[in-house]
N, C-alpha and C. Protein backbone atom coordinates (compact mmCIF):
# COMPACT_ATOMS: atom_id res chain seq x y z
N UNK A 1 0.97 -1.35 -0.21
CA UNK A 1 0.08 0.03 -0.01
C UNK A 1 0.84 1.16 0.11
N UNK A 2 0.68 2.15 -0.72
CA UNK A 2 1.28 3.40 -0.51
C UNK A 2 1.48 4.13 0.36
N UNK A 3 2.15 4.83 0.93
CA UNK A 3 2.20 5.71 2.48
C UNK A 3 1.38 6.57 2.22
N UNK A 4 0.96 7.13 1.48
CA UNK A 4 -0.19 8.10 1.33
C UNK A 4 -1.52 7.73 2.01
N UNK A 5 -1.70 6.62 1.14
CA UNK A 5 -2.94 6.00 1.63
C UNK A 5 -2.99 5.21 2.89
N UNK A 6 -1.87 4.64 3.39
CA UNK A 6 -1.86 3.84 4.57
C UNK A 6 -1.93 5.06 5.52
N UNK A 7 -1.44 6.20 5.59
CA UNK A 7 -1.45 7.47 6.51
C UNK A 7 -2.91 7.78 6.75
N UNK A 8 -3.70 7.82 5.40
CA UNK A 8 -5.07 8.76 5.87
C UNK A 8 -5.94 7.29 6.30
N UNK A 9 -5.77 5.99 6.01
CA UNK A 9 -6.50 4.95 6.50
C UNK A 9 -6.09 5.10 8.25
N UNK A 10 -4.98 5.02 8.58
CA UNK A 10 -4.44 4.84 10.02
C UNK A 10 -4.78 5.91 10.68
N UNK A 11 -5.06 7.17 10.08
CA UNK A 11 -5.27 8.59 11.00
C UNK A 11 -6.82 9.05 10.66
N UNK A 12 -7.51 8.16 10.41
CA UNK A 12 -9.01 8.27 10.01
C UNK A 12 -9.56 8.51 11.66
N UNK A 13 -10.51 9.35 11.67
CA UNK A 13 -11.20 9.79 12.90
C UNK A 13 -11.75 8.64 13.67
N UNK A 14 -12.19 8.21 14.75
CA UNK A 14 -12.53 7.00 15.34
C UNK A 14 -14.11 6.96 14.85
N UNK A 15 -14.76 8.12 14.78
CA UNK A 15 -16.19 8.41 14.06
C UNK A 15 -16.64 7.84 12.71
N UNK A 16 -15.37 7.83 12.08
CA UNK A 16 -15.64 7.66 10.51
C UNK A 16 -15.44 5.95 10.20
N UNK A 17 -16.15 5.65 9.16
CA UNK A 17 -15.70 4.30 8.80
C UNK A 17 -14.45 3.96 8.27
N UNK A 18 -14.06 2.95 8.49
CA UNK A 18 -12.85 2.71 7.96
C UNK A 18 -12.90 2.43 6.62
N UNK A 19 -12.00 3.26 5.48
CA UNK A 19 -12.22 2.86 4.14
C UNK A 19 -12.20 1.47 3.76
N UNK A 20 -13.22 0.74 3.23
CA UNK A 20 -13.38 -0.49 2.87
C UNK A 20 -12.05 -1.01 2.09
N UNK A 21 -11.79 -2.17 1.90
CA UNK A 21 -10.69 -2.91 1.14
C UNK A 21 -10.81 -2.40 -0.28
N UNK A 22 -12.37 -2.58 -0.76
CA UNK A 22 -12.37 -2.20 -1.96
C UNK A 22 -11.90 -0.63 -2.40
N UNK A 23 -12.31 0.09 -1.67
CA UNK A 23 -11.92 1.65 -1.49
C UNK A 23 -10.53 1.70 -1.69
N UNK A 24 -9.82 1.12 -0.78
CA UNK A 24 -8.37 1.20 -0.55
C UNK A 24 -7.88 0.64 -1.99
N UNK A 25 -8.18 -0.41 -2.36
CA UNK A 25 -7.74 -1.02 -3.48
C UNK A 25 -7.79 -0.27 -4.82
N UNK A 26 -9.00 0.50 -5.09
CA UNK A 26 -9.23 1.16 -6.09
C UNK A 26 -8.28 2.43 -6.21
N UNK A 27 -8.31 3.18 -4.70
CA UNK A 27 -7.44 4.20 -4.61
C UNK A 27 -5.85 4.02 -4.85
N UNK A 28 -5.51 2.84 -4.61
CA UNK A 28 -4.11 2.44 -4.76
C UNK A 28 -4.00 2.12 -6.65
N UNK A 29 -4.81 1.72 -7.03
CA UNK A 29 -4.93 1.64 -8.41
C UNK A 29 -5.07 2.84 -9.24
N UNK A 30 -5.38 3.94 -8.79
CA UNK A 30 -5.77 5.16 -9.44
C UNK A 30 -4.43 5.71 -9.17
N UNK A 31 -3.74 5.70 -7.89
CA UNK A 31 -2.36 6.00 -7.71
C UNK A 31 -1.26 5.64 -8.53
N UNK A 32 -1.18 4.23 -8.51
CA UNK A 32 -0.30 3.59 -9.47
C UNK A 32 -0.52 4.16 -11.01
N UNK A 33 -1.76 4.32 -11.35
CA UNK A 33 -2.03 4.78 -12.94
C UNK A 33 -1.31 6.21 -13.03
N UNK A 34 -1.48 7.18 -11.90
CA UNK A 34 -1.11 8.50 -12.05
C UNK A 34 0.37 8.49 -11.87
N UNK A 35 1.24 7.33 -11.17
CA UNK A 35 2.59 7.29 -11.00
C UNK A 35 2.70 6.86 -12.28
N UNK A 36 2.55 5.90 -13.03
CA UNK A 36 2.92 5.33 -14.27
C UNK A 36 2.72 6.26 -15.49
N UNK A 37 1.97 7.25 -15.34
CA UNK A 37 1.77 8.43 -16.41
C UNK A 37 2.96 9.17 -16.25
N UNK A 38 3.81 9.22 -15.05
CA UNK A 38 4.98 10.23 -15.14
C UNK A 38 4.55 11.58 -15.00
N UNK A 39 3.52 12.07 -14.69
CA UNK A 39 3.11 13.36 -14.41
C UNK A 39 3.35 14.00 -12.85
N UNK A 40 3.27 15.29 -12.74
CA UNK A 40 3.26 15.81 -11.25
C UNK A 40 2.41 15.51 -10.30
N UNK A 41 2.56 14.80 -9.12
CA UNK A 41 1.85 14.15 -8.44
C UNK A 41 1.56 14.84 -7.17
N UNK A 42 0.62 16.01 -7.49
CA UNK A 42 0.08 16.73 -6.10
C UNK A 42 -1.10 15.97 -6.09
N UNK A 43 -0.98 14.89 -5.25
CA UNK A 43 -2.35 14.00 -5.26
C UNK A 43 -2.58 14.17 -3.46
N UNK A 44 -3.92 14.51 -3.36
CA UNK A 44 -4.37 14.69 -1.71
C UNK A 44 -5.85 13.42 -1.49
N UNK A 45 -5.34 12.68 -0.50
CA UNK A 45 -6.57 11.88 -0.20
C UNK A 45 -7.15 12.36 1.35
N UNK A 46 -8.43 11.93 1.50
CA UNK A 46 -9.12 11.84 2.61
C UNK A 46 -10.13 10.84 2.94
N UNK A 47 -10.72 10.02 3.89
CA UNK A 47 -11.60 9.08 4.11
C UNK A 47 -12.64 10.13 3.97
N UNK A 48 -14.04 9.30 3.59
CA UNK A 48 -15.07 9.78 3.51
C UNK A 48 -16.15 9.02 4.40
N UNK A 49 -17.07 9.74 4.67
CA UNK A 49 -17.98 9.24 5.82
C UNK A 49 -18.64 7.92 5.72
N UNK A 50 -18.72 7.59 4.20
CA UNK A 50 -19.41 6.62 3.51
C UNK A 50 -18.41 5.07 3.79
N UNK A 51 -17.07 5.45 4.27
CA UNK A 51 -16.39 3.94 4.11
C UNK A 51 -15.48 4.10 2.79
N UNK A 52 -15.35 5.19 1.92
CA UNK A 52 -14.58 5.22 0.73
C UNK A 52 -13.25 6.02 0.90
N UNK A 53 -12.71 6.63 -0.25
CA UNK A 53 -11.28 7.34 -0.12
C UNK A 53 -11.63 8.27 -1.21
N UNK A 54 -11.28 9.62 -0.85
CA UNK A 54 -11.70 10.62 -1.87
C UNK A 54 -10.17 10.95 -2.31
N UNK A 55 -9.92 11.07 -3.35
CA UNK A 55 -8.64 11.48 -4.13
C UNK A 55 -8.98 12.81 -4.98
N UNK A 56 -7.94 13.79 -4.86
CA UNK A 56 -8.00 15.09 -5.49
C UNK A 56 -6.56 15.27 -6.27
N UNK A 57 -6.32 15.30 -7.50
CA UNK A 57 -5.39 15.73 -7.93
C UNK A 57 -5.50 16.83 -8.97
N UNK A 58 -4.63 17.91 -8.66
CA UNK A 58 -4.45 19.10 -9.39
C UNK A 58 -3.29 19.08 -10.25
N UNK A 59 -3.50 19.42 -11.48
CA UNK A 59 -2.37 19.39 -12.58
C UNK A 59 -2.76 20.62 -13.21
N UNK A 60 -1.96 21.57 -13.18
CA UNK A 60 -2.04 22.91 -14.12
C UNK A 60 -3.68 23.45 -13.71
N UNK A 61 -4.35 23.65 -14.56
CA UNK A 61 -5.65 24.41 -14.21
C UNK A 61 -6.80 23.32 -14.28
N UNK A 62 -6.32 22.05 -14.47
CA UNK A 62 -7.40 21.00 -14.27
C UNK A 62 -7.13 20.35 -12.75
N UNK A 63 -8.59 20.00 -12.29
CA UNK A 63 -8.57 19.36 -11.17
C UNK A 63 -9.42 18.06 -11.29
N UNK A 64 -9.02 16.85 -10.91
CA UNK A 64 -9.61 15.76 -11.04
C UNK A 64 -9.88 14.84 -9.56
N UNK A 65 -11.33 15.07 -9.60
CA UNK A 65 -11.95 14.64 -7.97
C UNK A 65 -12.27 13.43 -8.19
N UNK A 66 -12.11 12.39 -7.53
CA UNK A 66 -12.44 11.10 -7.66
C UNK A 66 -12.77 10.26 -6.20
N UNK A 67 -13.85 9.56 -6.02
CA UNK A 67 -14.22 9.20 -4.66
C UNK A 67 -14.18 7.60 -5.19
N UNK A 68 -13.32 6.72 -4.50
CA UNK A 68 -13.33 5.67 -4.55
C UNK A 68 -14.24 4.97 -3.50
N UNK A 69 -15.57 4.58 -3.85
CA UNK A 69 -16.60 4.30 -2.87
C UNK A 69 -16.30 2.67 -2.54
N UNK A 70 -16.96 2.16 -1.66
CA UNK A 70 -16.85 0.94 -0.70
C UNK A 70 -17.50 -0.11 -1.79
N UNK A 71 -18.29 0.38 -2.58
CA UNK A 71 -18.79 -0.69 -3.45
C UNK A 71 -18.07 -0.93 -4.71
N UNK A 72 -16.91 -0.39 -4.95
CA UNK A 72 -16.33 -0.44 -6.29
C UNK A 72 -16.52 0.27 -7.33
N UNK A 73 -17.16 1.50 -6.93
CA UNK A 73 -17.52 2.43 -8.25
C UNK A 73 -16.48 3.67 -7.75
N UNK A 74 -16.53 4.19 -8.85
CA UNK A 74 -15.33 5.50 -8.85
C UNK A 74 -16.55 6.64 -9.31
N UNK A 75 -16.71 7.76 -8.52
CA UNK A 75 -17.45 8.79 -8.53
C UNK A 75 -16.70 9.85 -8.82
N UNK A 76 -16.81 10.44 -10.10
CA UNK A 76 -15.51 11.34 -10.53
C UNK A 76 -16.24 12.64 -11.03
N UNK A 77 -15.44 13.91 -10.62
CA UNK A 77 -15.76 14.92 -11.63
C UNK A 77 -14.31 15.69 -12.00
N UNK A 78 -14.36 16.05 -13.40
CA UNK A 78 -13.06 16.57 -13.88
C UNK A 78 -13.44 18.34 -13.87
N UNK A 79 -12.71 19.24 -13.69
CA UNK A 79 -13.01 20.59 -14.13
C UNK A 79 -11.59 21.23 -14.39
N UNK A 80 -11.83 22.36 -15.35
CA UNK A 80 -11.06 22.75 -16.08
C UNK A 80 -11.06 24.46 -15.78
N UNK A 81 -10.37 24.96 -14.79
CA UNK A 81 -10.57 26.40 -14.56
C UNK A 81 -11.88 26.62 -13.85
N UNK A 82 -12.13 25.76 -12.75
CA UNK A 82 -13.27 26.12 -12.35
C UNK A 82 -14.80 25.39 -13.39
N UNK A 83 -14.69 24.98 -14.33
CA UNK A 83 -15.79 24.79 -14.94
C UNK A 83 -15.79 23.16 -15.31
N UNK A 84 -16.74 22.57 -14.87
CA UNK A 84 -16.75 21.10 -14.77
C UNK A 84 -16.77 20.75 -16.50
N UNK A 85 -16.12 19.65 -16.59
CA UNK A 85 -15.94 19.20 -17.97
C UNK A 85 -16.46 17.59 -18.32
N UNK A 86 -16.37 16.87 -16.85
CA UNK A 86 -16.99 15.60 -16.96
C UNK A 86 -17.34 14.99 -15.40
N UNK A 87 -18.33 14.23 -15.51
CA UNK A 87 -18.65 13.64 -14.19
C UNK A 87 -19.34 12.26 -14.52
N UNK A 88 -19.25 11.51 -13.29
CA UNK A 88 -19.99 10.30 -13.52
C UNK A 88 -19.63 9.53 -12.56
N UNK A 89 -20.22 8.08 -12.55
CA UNK A 89 -20.03 7.23 -11.70
C UNK A 89 -20.06 5.93 -12.37
N UNK A 90 -18.84 5.10 -12.17
CA UNK A 90 -18.46 3.92 -13.03
C UNK A 90 -17.80 2.87 -12.27
N UNK A 91 -17.60 1.92 -12.53
CA UNK A 91 -16.81 0.90 -12.02
C UNK A 91 -15.30 1.30 -12.54
N UNK A 92 -14.28 0.90 -11.97
CA UNK A 92 -12.73 1.04 -11.89
C UNK A 92 -12.40 0.80 -13.58
N UNK A 93 -13.05 -0.06 -14.26
CA UNK A 93 -12.29 -0.49 -15.53
C UNK A 93 -12.97 0.48 -16.53
N UNK A 94 -14.29 0.97 -16.05
CA UNK A 94 -14.83 1.84 -16.99
C UNK A 94 -14.64 3.47 -16.69
N UNK A 95 -13.87 3.46 -15.82
CA UNK A 95 -13.22 4.77 -15.46
C UNK A 95 -11.94 5.16 -16.08
N UNK A 96 -11.01 4.24 -16.20
CA UNK A 96 -9.48 4.57 -16.89
C UNK A 96 -9.87 5.16 -18.14
N UNK A 97 -10.73 4.61 -19.11
CA UNK A 97 -10.93 5.20 -20.50
C UNK A 97 -11.30 6.84 -20.19
N UNK A 98 -12.23 7.11 -19.59
CA UNK A 98 -12.71 8.09 -19.06
C UNK A 98 -11.62 9.17 -18.66
N UNK A 99 -10.66 8.72 -17.54
CA UNK A 99 -9.63 9.39 -17.07
C UNK A 99 -8.78 10.04 -18.14
N UNK A 100 -8.20 8.63 -18.93
CA UNK A 100 -7.17 9.14 -19.97
C UNK A 100 -7.67 9.99 -20.95
N UNK A 101 -8.97 10.41 -21.26
CA UNK A 101 -9.66 10.94 -22.14
C UNK A 101 -9.46 12.46 -21.97
N UNK A 102 -9.69 12.67 -20.72
CA UNK A 102 -9.45 14.23 -20.02
C UNK A 102 -7.79 14.22 -19.47
N UNK A 103 -7.17 13.29 -19.50
CA UNK A 103 -5.77 13.61 -19.11
C UNK A 103 -5.34 13.79 -20.58
N UNK A 104 -5.60 13.82 -21.59
CA UNK A 104 -5.08 14.01 -22.97
C UNK A 104 -5.26 15.50 -23.35
N UNK A 105 -6.22 16.19 -22.62
CA UNK A 105 -6.62 17.55 -23.01
C UNK A 105 -5.29 18.33 -22.17
N UNK A 106 -4.64 17.89 -21.15
CA UNK A 106 -3.90 18.70 -20.54
C UNK A 106 -2.88 19.75 -21.45
């Protein structure tokens, strides 16, 4: 597990649900993907009240917000200069093509 994800999971408040194993795995896969494309890694994580992990990645004037939900879905919103370009809720394998499409617009 990436240290950033482990830190968030280990420091979650007592009253918050622990991020599920599925959410942690998907957050790990998102971070691996970001690392594989060798772009700036200004990535922030935080647990959600519903047992997921929220990932926010800002690069240039783009912001990629992704919640890795406990049920395996990725809830995402991509904005450029505060204007929403895309949003949705899909399984991880369907998310990556959407993510790639908007990363090409950098």
